[in-house]
Amino acid sequence: MIHAYQLVVLVPYMAALLLVAIPGYRLGAVVNVVASALTLAIGLGLIAGGQFVGDYAIVDEFNIVFIVINTVVGFTTALFSASYIGHEIEIGRLPAGFLRFYHAMFQAMMGSMNLALVANNIGVMWVGLELATLITVVMVGLYRTPQSIEAAWKYFILASVGISLAFFGTILIYLAGQPALGEGLPAMTWSLLQRSAASMDAAILDLAFIFLLVGYGTKVGLAPLHAWLPDAHAEGPTPVSAVLSGLLLNVALYALLRFKMVVAGQPAALDPGPIMVVMGLVSLIFAAFMLYQRRDIKRLFAYSSIEHMGLIVFAFGMGGALANFAGLLHMAMHSLTKSGIFFAVGHIAQAKGTQRIAEIKGLSVTHPRLAVAFALAVLAICGMPPFGVFASEFLILTTTFARHPWLALLPAFGLLVGFGALLLRLQETVFGEPVGPAHRVDASSVPMVLHLALVFVSGIFLPPALVGWFQRAAELLG
């Protein structure tokens, strides 16, 4: 009997094999959307399906949060790319022959991320993340321009270094688990490692976590390990940017948090919290200042992703039920909002024929509806009420203030600096005299509007069932 947790991995992989054989763009786009919708339905079904712990797979309320976010954003991105990539073919920017490759790689990427999320084996999880990394590398270079090839190579080199360090950390965790669990499969199983953490060698766990933090921190985009991220966002197709910011960063963070749970189970080991707090703050404040220097609109929001991932890592570093809850909530809100922003940026790039901020002005005159949607999305990611990002940022800051009042000033300062930069760029693009062309926007606006609606509703009302689910997931983090 095939279980739902298996289908959430198998469906994207089977769809990838099918899409390789579909030559037409329209049929391929339809199959891509249908496969993503089916994966979404299976992901949502895991909420009611109960928990499962096996030798190779685990389903608990913690990873279901990530799986649901993954499948929601995967579906809306497939819906957006159906029309967006069609426009790229029409204008000759993307050869039609690449479409089978694009659709197949999209589904393989989703399957690999889901594989990493459901894996109860540290080796299988690493393989899933490595596959997702390699797939996104080739998708970043899809346009085959010198700039996109350079960005793909930079991503490949830095991500390979990071994933290699994470692999070494994974080996150390296996070695730490051997005395308590024996050789072979048990010493590579998440659930058993966490249960036996107190009997593991603290020195090996300390060393392992440093390698894992640097390795997976590279994938999360934490400063100073972030250099690949702005280029990958700027040069890759916009749907890939949405997936990178909204999903892949989360999956790398998920792996880091799973290892944090193991290390935290050994009282004599180092406390991962302060290290994560420092790296989170450095990323948050550094990215906030870097926002003022960006001249490419996709690079701008790439640094915004670094800023918010820093805040999320800071929240999980603080630890505790409320901070973990706030971190999970902010991760969900950021995924929905940032992918929605990249959908809007895709519309803008189509409308103006450029990603240069200096050449994007007067959207309120040339494309008033797009200007309103883009402005709302930017205000949402800035943490303005009543959007859900405001609620999660407020929880993070108030929780920090209650425990360490002076420490709360640092994330607040970083968020204010970032707010100023994004507001400045918003004013430049939406208002003023229009410059450049004003083409018709072909991509579907449904995914962008849907994400904005979800973030707006989340800021006003969170259903008690959703709050309880996030609370139980936060408790699993310790």
Protein backbone atom coordinates (compact mmCIF):
# COMPACT_ATOMS: atom_id res chain seq x y z
CA MET A 1 0.00 0.00 0.00
CA ILE A 2 1.31 3.42 -0.99
CA HIS A 3 0.98 6.08 1.72
CA ALA A 4 0.36 9.80 1.26
CA TYR A 5 3.89 10.71 2.37
CA GLN A 6 5.21 8.53 -0.47
CA LEU A 7 2.86 10.08 -3.01
CA VAL A 8 3.97 13.60 -2.14
CA VAL A 9 7.39 12.53 -3.47
CA LEU A 10 6.37 10.07 -6.18
CA VAL A 11 3.80 12.27 -7.96
CA PRO A 12 6.28 15.05 -8.86
CA TYR A 13 8.90 12.52 -9.98
CA MET A 14 6.40 10.61 -12.13
CA ALA A 15 5.16 13.90 -13.57
CA ALA A 16 8.76 14.82 -14.42
CA LEU A 17 9.16 11.58 -16.39
CA LEU A 18 5.87 12.22 -18.20
CA LEU A 19 6.76 15.84 -19.01
CA VAL A 20 10.00 14.77 -20.67
CA ALA A 21 7.88 13.02 -23.32
CA ILE A 22 5.43 15.92 -23.92
CA PRO A 23 6.69 18.14 -26.77
CA GLY A 24 4.00 20.83 -26.85
CA TYR A 25 4.24 23.83 -24.54
CA ARG A 26 0.53 24.15 -23.75
CA LEU A 27 -0.01 20.50 -22.89
CA GLY A 28 3.20 20.47 -20.86
CA ALA A 29 2.08 23.55 -18.92
CA VAL A 30 -1.31 21.94 -18.20
CA VAL A 31 0.29 18.70 -16.97
CA ASN A 32 2.69 20.72 -14.83
CA VAL A 33 -0.20 22.57 -13.17
CA VAL A 34 -2.30 19.41 -12.72
CA ALA A 35 0.61 17.51 -11.17
CA SER A 36 1.29 20.42 -8.79
CA ALA A 37 -2.39 20.59 -7.84
CA LEU A 38 -2.42 16.85 -7.11
CA THR A 39 0.72 17.18 -4.97
CA LEU A 40 -0.94 20.06 -3.11
CA ALA A 41 -4.02 17.94 -2.40
CA ILE A 42 -1.82 15.12 -1.08
CA GLY A 43 0.17 17.58 1.06
CA LEU A 44 -3.01 18.99 2.58
CA GLY A 45 -4.21 15.45 3.20
CA LEU A 46 -1.19 14.82 5.41
CA ILE A 47 -2.66 17.25 7.96
CA ALA A 48 -5.52 14.86 8.67
CA GLY A 49 -3.56 11.70 7.97
CA GLY A 50 -1.88 11.45 11.35
CA GLN A 51 1.78 10.98 12.24
CA PHE A 52 4.07 8.30 10.89
CA VAL A 53 7.59 7.22 11.87
CA GLY A 54 9.44 4.63 9.81
CA ASP A 55 13.02 3.70 9.01
CA TYR A 56 13.20 6.07 6.05
CA ALA A 57 10.24 8.43 6.43
CA ILE A 58 8.76 10.59 9.16
CA VAL A 59 5.58 12.63 9.18
CA ASP A 60 4.96 14.86 12.19
CA GLU A 61 3.39 18.24 12.75
CA PHE A 62 6.75 19.95 12.31
CA ASN A 63 7.57 18.80 8.78
CA ILE A 64 3.93 18.92 7.66
CA VAL A 65 4.16 22.72 8.04
CA PHE A 66 7.03 22.76 5.55
CA ILE A 67 5.37 20.27 3.19
CA VAL A 68 2.13 22.26 3.02
CA ILE A 69 4.02 25.51 2.32
CA ASN A 70 6.05 23.67 -0.30
CA THR A 71 3.05 22.29 -2.12
CA VAL A 72 1.00 25.52 -1.94
CA VAL A 73 3.77 27.68 -3.40
CA GLY A 74 4.70 24.92 -5.87
CA PHE A 75 1.13 24.89 -7.23
CA THR A 76 0.78 28.68 -7.52
CA THR A 77 4.22 28.94 -9.14
CA ALA A 78 3.29 26.28 -11.70
CA LEU A 79 0.12 28.27 -12.41
CA PHE A 80 2.12 31.49 -12.81
CA SER A 81 4.81 29.94 -14.97
CA ALA A 82 2.24 28.48 -17.40
CA SER A 83 1.58 31.94 -18.81
CA TYR A 84 4.87 33.62 -17.88
CA ILE A 85 7.07 31.10 -19.72
CA GLY A 86 4.70 31.28 -22.71
CA HIS A 87 5.45 35.00 -22.96
CA GLU A 88 9.19 34.31 -22.75
CA ILE A 89 8.84 32.01 -25.78
CA GLU A 90 6.82 34.59 -27.73
CA ILE A 91 9.42 37.31 -27.32
CA GLY A 92 12.23 34.90 -28.23
CA ARG A 93 13.99 35.05 -24.90
CA LEU A 94 13.56 31.31 -24.31
CA PRO A 95 13.75 28.67 -27.06
CA ALA A 96 10.64 26.49 -27.29
CA GLY A 97 12.85 23.40 -27.18
CA PHE A 98 13.74 24.14 -23.56
CA LEU A 99 10.17 23.81 -22.33
CA ARG A 100 10.17 20.05 -21.83
CA PHE A 101 13.36 20.44 -19.84
CA TYR A 102 11.91 23.31 -17.78
CA HIS A 103 8.68 21.55 -16.83
CA ALA A 104 10.41 18.24 -16.07
CA MET A 105 13.05 19.97 -13.92
CA PHE A 106 10.37 21.95 -12.07
CA GLN A 107 8.58 18.78 -10.99
CA ALA A 108 11.85 16.99 -10.18
CA MET A 109 12.84 19.95 -8.02
CA MET A 110 9.55 19.80 -6.12
CA GLY A 111 9.91 16.05 -5.63
CA SER A 112 13.47 16.42 -4.34
CA MET A 113 12.47 19.06 -1.81
CA ASN A 114 9.58 16.93 -0.60
CA LEU A 115 11.95 13.96 -0.34
CA ALA A 116 14.23 15.97 1.96
CA LEU A 117 11.26 17.01 4.09
CA VAL A 118 9.77 13.55 4.69
CA ALA A 119 13.08 11.71 5.11
CA ASN A 120 13.71 10.13 8.51
CA ASN A 121 17.23 9.30 7.38
CA ILE A 122 19.97 11.94 7.48
CA GLY A 123 21.56 10.49 4.34
CA VAL A 124 18.33 10.50 2.32
CA MET A 125 17.63 14.06 3.47
CA TRP A 126 21.06 15.16 2.25
CA VAL A 127 20.47 13.45 -1.10
CA GLY A 128 17.13 15.24 -1.51
CA LEU A 129 18.69 18.64 -0.85
CA GLU A 130 21.63 17.89 -3.15
CA LEU A 131 19.26 16.90 -5.97
CA ALA A 132 17.18 20.05 -5.48
CA THR A 133 20.36 22.13 -5.54
CA LEU A 134 21.68 20.61 -8.78
CA ILE A 135 18.29 20.99 -10.46
CA THR A 136 17.97 24.65 -9.49
CA VAL A 137 21.52 25.27 -10.74
CA VAL A 138 20.61 24.22 -14.27
CA MET A 139 17.31 26.12 -14.07
CA VAL A 140 19.10 29.33 -13.07
CA GLY A 141 21.15 29.04 -16.26
CA LEU A 142 18.08 28.34 -18.42
CA TYR A 143 18.38 31.52 -20.53
CA ARG A 144 21.93 30.55 -21.59
CA THR A 145 23.15 34.15 -21.48
CA PRO A 146 26.68 34.88 -20.22
CA GLN A 147 25.20 36.43 -17.06
CA SER A 148 22.91 33.47 -16.33
CA ILE A 149 25.70 30.95 -16.94
CA GLU A 150 27.96 32.90 -14.58
CA ALA A 151 25.22 33.00 -11.94
CA ALA A 152 24.61 29.26 -12.31
CA TRP A 153 28.33 28.50 -11.92
CA LYS A 154 28.62 30.72 -8.85
CA TYR A 155 25.57 29.03 -7.37
CA PHE A 156 26.96 25.59 -8.21
CA ILE A 157 30.39 26.27 -6.69
CA LEU A 158 29.18 27.90 -3.47
CA ALA A 159 26.27 25.51 -2.98
CA SER A 160 28.58 22.53 -3.60
CA VAL A 161 30.99 23.78 -0.95
CA GLY A 162 28.09 24.25 1.44
CA ILE A 163 26.52 20.89 0.77
CA SER A 164 29.94 19.20 1.12
CA LEU A 165 30.41 20.75 4.55
CA ALA A 166 26.90 19.64 5.46
CA PHE A 167 27.78 16.13 4.29
CA PHE A 168 30.81 16.07 6.58
CA GLY A 169 28.61 17.27 9.47
CA THR A 170 26.13 14.50 8.63
CA ILE A 171 28.93 11.92 8.85
CA LEU A 172 29.93 13.28 12.26
CA ILE A 173 26.34 12.97 13.50
CA TYR A 174 26.37 9.35 12.31
CA LEU A 175 29.63 8.73 14.20
CA ALA A 176 28.17 10.34 17.33
CA GLY A 177 25.15 8.07 17.14
CA GLN A 178 27.03 4.81 16.61
CA PRO A 179 27.96 4.12 20.27
CA ALA A 180 24.32 4.41 21.36
CA LEU A 181 22.55 3.00 18.29
CA GLY A 182 25.10 0.75 16.61
CA GLU A 183 26.32 0.80 13.04
CA GLY A 184 24.07 1.09 10.01
CA LEU A 185 20.56 2.41 9.59
CA PRO A 186 19.63 3.20 13.24
CA ALA A 187 22.50 5.70 13.62
CA MET A 188 21.19 7.59 10.57
CA THR A 189 17.56 7.79 11.69
CA TRP A 190 16.28 11.19 12.88
CA SER A 191 13.82 9.89 15.44
CA LEU A 192 16.32 7.50 17.03
CA LEU A 193 19.12 10.07 17.01
CA GLN A 194 16.95 12.61 18.79
CA ARG A 195 15.83 10.02 21.36
CA SER A 196 19.43 8.96 22.08
CA ALA A 197 21.05 12.41 21.93
CA ALA A 198 21.74 12.57 25.67
CA SER A 199 24.09 9.57 25.43
CA MET A 200 26.10 10.90 22.45
CA ASP A 201 29.60 12.40 22.61
CA ALA A 202 29.18 16.15 23.16
CA ALA A 203 32.48 17.07 21.46
CA ILE A 204 31.51 15.29 18.22
CA LEU A 205 28.06 16.91 18.28
CA ASP A 206 29.66 20.35 18.74
CA LEU A 207 31.94 19.88 15.75
CA ALA A 208 29.12 18.40 13.66
CA PHE A 209 26.79 21.33 14.28
CA ILE A 210 29.44 23.87 13.22
CA PHE A 211 29.87 22.09 9.89
CA LEU A 212 26.10 21.74 9.50
CA LEU A 213 25.47 25.39 10.32
CA VAL A 214 28.01 26.59 7.76
CA GLY A 215 26.93 24.01 5.18
CA TYR A 216 23.19 24.42 5.38
CA GLY A 217 23.58 28.11 6.28
CA THR A 218 25.00 28.57 2.78
CA LYS A 219 21.79 27.13 1.36
CA VAL A 220 19.65 29.24 3.71
CA GLY A 221 21.44 32.35 2.40
CA LEU A 222 22.85 33.55 5.70
CA ALA A 223 25.53 36.25 5.51
CA PRO A 224 28.42 35.98 4.78
CA LEU A 225 27.50 32.75 2.95
CA HIS A 226 24.93 34.42 0.72
CA ALA A 227 26.93 35.43 -2.39
CA TRP A 228 25.17 32.99 -4.73
CA LEU A 229 21.66 34.10 -3.90
CA PRO A 230 21.35 37.59 -5.50
CA ASP A 231 22.86 36.42 -8.81
CA ALA A 232 20.70 33.29 -8.95
CA HIS A 233 17.57 35.35 -8.39
CA ALA A 234 18.48 38.05 -10.88
CA GLU A 235 19.49 35.83 -13.80
CA GLY A 236 17.14 32.85 -13.50
CA PRO A 237 13.51 32.73 -14.70
CA THR A 238 11.15 34.52 -12.32
CA PRO A 239 9.24 31.31 -11.33
CA VAL A 240 12.58 29.83 -10.25
CA SER A 241 13.24 32.95 -8.15
CA ALA A 242 9.86 32.47 -6.47
CA VAL A 243 10.69 28.84 -5.64
CA LEU A 244 14.20 29.69 -4.42
CA SER A 245 13.01 32.38 -2.02
CA GLY A 246 9.74 30.78 -1.03
CA LEU A 247 10.76 27.14 -0.71
CA LEU A 248 14.37 26.01 -1.13
CA LEU A 249 15.68 28.30 1.62
CA ASN A 250 13.04 26.82 3.94
CA VAL A 251 14.04 23.23 3.17
CA ALA A 252 17.69 23.97 4.03
CA LEU A 253 16.53 25.64 7.25
CA TYR A 254 14.37 22.60 8.04
CA ALA A 255 17.44 20.34 7.86
CA LEU A 256 19.38 22.68 10.13
CA LEU A 257 16.55 22.74 12.67
CA ARG A 258 16.32 18.93 12.71
CA PHE A 259 20.02 18.76 13.58
CA LYS A 260 19.55 21.51 16.16
CA MET A 261 16.97 19.29 17.90
CA VAL A 262 19.52 16.46 18.09
CA VAL A 263 22.32 18.68 19.45
CA ALA A 264 19.98 20.32 21.96
CA GLY A 265 19.18 16.87 23.37
CA GLN A 266 22.73 16.60 24.78
CA PRO A 267 23.01 18.97 27.81
CA ALA A 268 26.83 18.95 27.67
CA ALA A 269 26.93 20.04 23.99
CA LEU A 270 27.13 23.66 22.90
CA ASP A 271 23.93 25.66 22.82
CA PRO A 272 23.05 26.23 19.13
CA GLY A 273 20.77 29.13 20.06
CA PRO A 274 23.31 31.96 20.58
CA ILE A 275 25.20 31.03 17.39
CA MET A 276 21.98 31.12 15.37
CA VAL A 277 20.99 34.42 17.01
CA VAL A 278 24.29 36.03 15.97
CA MET A 279 24.18 34.71 12.39
CA GLY A 280 20.55 35.72 12.07
CA LEU A 281 21.21 39.27 13.25
CA VAL A 282 24.26 39.66 11.01
CA SER A 283 22.21 38.53 7.99
CA LEU A 284 19.27 40.74 8.89
CA ILE A 285 21.21 43.96 9.42
CA PHE A 286 23.70 43.39 6.57
CA ALA A 287 20.93 42.68 4.04
CA ALA A 288 18.89 45.66 5.24
CA PHE A 289 21.73 48.06 4.40
CA MET A 290 22.50 46.30 1.12
CA LEU A 291 18.94 46.97 -0.05
CA TYR A 292 19.86 50.63 -0.61
CA GLN A 293 22.52 49.75 -3.21
CA ARG A 294 20.47 47.45 -5.44
CA ARG A 295 19.71 48.59 -8.99
CA ASP A 296 18.06 45.38 -10.23
CA ILE A 297 14.56 44.72 -8.88
CA LYS A 298 15.09 40.95 -8.52
CA ARG A 299 18.40 41.47 -6.71
CA LEU A 300 16.58 43.88 -4.41
CA PHE A 301 14.14 41.23 -3.28
CA ALA A 302 16.87 38.60 -3.14
CA TYR A 303 18.51 40.67 -0.40
CA SER A 304 15.09 41.04 1.20
CA SER A 305 14.99 37.23 1.39
CA ILE A 306 18.37 37.21 3.13
CA GLU A 307 17.01 39.78 5.58
CA HIS A 308 13.93 37.74 6.45
CA MET A 309 15.72 34.40 6.63
CA GLY A 310 18.06 36.10 9.09
CA LEU A 311 15.07 37.13 11.20
CA ILE A 312 13.65 33.59 11.07
CA VAL A 313 16.98 32.04 12.12
CA PHE A 314 17.17 34.64 14.91
CA ALA A 315 13.72 33.57 16.17
CA PHE A 316 14.61 29.87 16.16
CA GLY A 317 17.91 30.72 17.85
CA MET A 318 16.01 32.44 20.65
CA GLY A 319 14.03 29.23 21.13
CA GLY A 320 11.11 28.61 23.41
CA ALA A 321 7.54 27.82 22.48
CA LEU A 322 6.51 31.37 21.54
CA ALA A 323 9.68 32.27 19.62
CA ASN A 324 9.52 28.98 17.69
CA PHE A 325 5.85 29.64 16.93
CA ALA A 326 6.72 33.14 15.71
CA GLY A 327 9.57 31.73 13.58
CA LEU A 328 7.29 29.17 11.93
CA LEU A 329 4.60 31.79 11.32
CA HIS A 330 7.10 34.24 9.85
CA MET A 331 8.53 31.51 7.61
CA ALA A 332 5.06 30.77 6.25
CA MET A 333 4.21 34.45 5.78
CA HIS A 334 7.55 35.18 4.12
CA SER A 335 7.17 32.26 1.70
CA LEU A 336 3.72 33.39 0.61
CA THR A 337 4.58 37.09 0.45
CA LYS A 338 7.99 36.82 -1.22
CA SER A 339 6.83 34.39 -3.89
CA GLY A 340 3.88 36.74 -4.49
CA ILE A 341 6.33 39.63 -4.88
CA PHE A 342 8.33 37.69 -7.46
CA PHE A 343 5.09 37.01 -9.35
CA ALA A 344 4.54 40.79 -9.37
CA VAL A 345 8.14 41.38 -10.44
CA GLY A 346 7.58 38.95 -13.32
CA HIS A 347 4.59 41.04 -14.42
CA ILE A 348 6.67 44.22 -14.15
CA ALA A 349 9.54 42.75 -16.18
CA GLN A 350 7.04 41.83 -18.89
CA ALA A 351 5.42 45.24 -18.82
CA LYS A 352 8.64 47.29 -18.93
CA GLY A 353 10.95 44.85 -20.69
CA THR A 354 13.64 45.27 -18.03
CA GLN A 355 14.60 44.49 -14.43
CA ARG A 356 16.52 47.76 -13.96
CA ILE A 357 14.83 49.85 -11.28
CA ALA A 358 15.89 53.11 -13.00
CA GLU A 359 13.88 52.05 -16.07
CA ILE A 360 10.78 51.06 -14.10
CA LYS A 361 8.85 54.20 -13.23
CA GLY A 362 5.29 55.38 -13.39
CA LEU A 363 3.59 52.01 -12.96
CA SER A 364 0.60 53.78 -11.43
CA VAL A 365 0.10 55.52 -14.79
CA THR A 366 0.87 52.73 -17.24
CA HIS A 367 -0.35 49.70 -15.26
CA PRO A 368 -2.47 50.94 -12.31
CA ARG A 369 -3.76 47.51 -11.20
CA LEU A 370 -0.27 46.05 -11.24
CA ALA A 371 1.01 49.08 -9.32
CA VAL A 372 -1.60 48.56 -6.58
CA ALA A 373 -0.84 44.82 -6.28
CA PHE A 374 2.92 45.43 -6.22
CA ALA A 375 2.57 48.20 -3.63
CA LEU A 376 0.46 45.95 -1.38
CA ALA A 377 2.96 43.12 -1.71
CA VAL A 378 5.89 45.38 -0.80
CA LEU A 379 4.01 46.85 2.16
CA ALA A 380 3.22 43.30 3.28
CA ILE A 381 6.87 42.20 3.23
CA CYS A 382 7.78 45.42 5.06
CA GLY A 383 5.65 44.20 7.95
CA MET A 384 2.86 46.74 7.69
CA PRO A 385 -0.47 45.87 9.35
CA PRO A 386 -2.84 44.20 8.75
CA PHE A 387 -0.72 41.70 6.78
CA GLY A 388 0.48 38.45 8.34
CA VAL A 389 4.16 39.47 8.26
CA PHE A 390 3.32 42.20 10.78
CA ALA A 391 1.86 39.64 13.18
CA SER A 392 4.90 37.35 12.99
CA GLU A 393 7.43 40.19 13.29
CA PHE A 394 5.49 41.64 16.22
CA LEU A 395 5.59 38.26 17.97
CA ILE A 396 9.33 37.89 17.40
CA LEU A 397 10.13 41.37 18.69
CA THR A 398 7.84 41.23 21.73
CA THR A 399 9.09 37.76 22.69
CA THR A 400 12.67 38.97 22.47
CA PHE A 401 11.86 42.14 24.42
CA ALA A 402 10.24 40.13 27.21
CA ARG A 403 13.39 38.02 27.64
CA HIS A 404 16.24 40.33 26.56
CA PRO A 405 15.01 43.94 26.18
CA TRP A 406 18.28 45.34 24.78
CA LEU A 407 18.67 42.52 22.29
CA ALA A 408 15.27 43.34 20.77
CA LEU A 409 16.67 46.68 19.56
CA LEU A 410 18.91 44.96 16.98
CA PRO A 411 16.24 43.14 14.91
CA ALA A 412 13.97 46.18 15.26
CA PHE A 413 16.77 48.39 13.89
CA GLY A 414 17.42 46.03 10.97
CA LEU A 415 13.74 45.87 10.07
CA LEU A 416 13.42 49.66 10.15
CA VAL A 417 16.46 50.08 7.89
CA GLY A 418 15.05 47.53 5.44
CA PHE A 419 11.63 49.19 5.57
CA GLY A 420 13.16 52.51 4.53
CA ALA A 421 14.98 50.96 1.57
CA LEU A 422 11.94 49.11 0.24
CA LEU A 423 9.71 52.14 0.67
CA LEU A 424 12.22 54.23 -1.28
CA ARG A 425 12.28 51.71 -4.15
CA LEU A 426 8.49 51.40 -4.08
CA GLN A 427 8.12 55.15 -4.50
CA GLU A 428 10.57 55.14 -7.43
CA THR A 429 8.81 52.39 -9.35
CA VAL A 430 5.15 53.21 -8.72
CA PHE A 431 5.16 56.98 -8.97
CA GLY A 432 6.80 59.55 -11.22
CA GLU A 433 6.79 60.05 -14.97
CA PRO A 434 6.64 56.77 -16.91
CA VAL A 435 9.81 55.77 -18.75
CA GLY A 436 10.42 53.06 -21.31
CA PRO A 437 7.83 50.82 -22.97
CA ALA A 438 4.49 49.81 -21.50
CA HIS A 439 3.78 46.34 -22.83
CA ARG A 440 0.70 44.28 -22.16
CA VAL A 441 1.05 41.88 -19.22
CA ASP A 442 0.34 38.30 -20.27
CA ALA A 443 1.10 36.28 -17.14
CA SER A 444 -1.80 35.25 -14.92
CA SER A 445 -2.42 37.50 -11.92
CA VAL A 446 -4.35 34.81 -10.01
CA PRO A 447 -1.33 33.41 -8.08
CA MET A 448 -0.22 36.89 -7.01
CA VAL A 449 -3.70 37.88 -5.84
CA LEU A 450 -4.17 34.56 -4.05
CA HIS A 451 -0.93 34.98 -2.10
CA LEU A 452 -1.80 38.55 -1.14
CA ALA A 453 -5.25 37.42 0.01
CA LEU A 454 -3.79 34.64 2.17
CA VAL A 455 -1.27 36.96 3.80
CA PHE A 456 -3.96 39.62 4.36
CA VAL A 457 -6.41 37.18 5.95
CA SER A 458 -3.64 35.69 8.12
CA GLY A 459 -2.90 39.12 9.54
CA ILE A 460 -6.51 39.60 10.59
CA PHE A 461 -7.53 36.12 11.72
CA LEU A 462 -5.71 32.84 12.26
CA PRO A 463 -8.08 29.89 12.73
CA PRO A 464 -7.69 28.20 16.14
CA ALA A 465 -6.92 24.89 14.41
CA LEU A 466 -4.03 26.52 12.54
CA VAL A 467 -2.73 28.16 15.73
CA GLY A 468 -2.88 24.84 17.58
CA TRP A 469 -1.06 23.09 14.73
CA PHE A 470 1.77 25.65 14.74
CA GLN A 471 1.97 25.49 18.53
CA ARG A 472 2.43 21.73 18.51
CA ALA A 473 5.06 22.05 15.76
CA ALA A 474 6.85 24.71 17.82
CA GLU A 475 6.85 22.45 20.87
CA LEU A 476 8.61 19.71 18.88
CA LEU A 477 11.51 22.15 18.40
CA GLY A 478 11.96 22.40 22.17
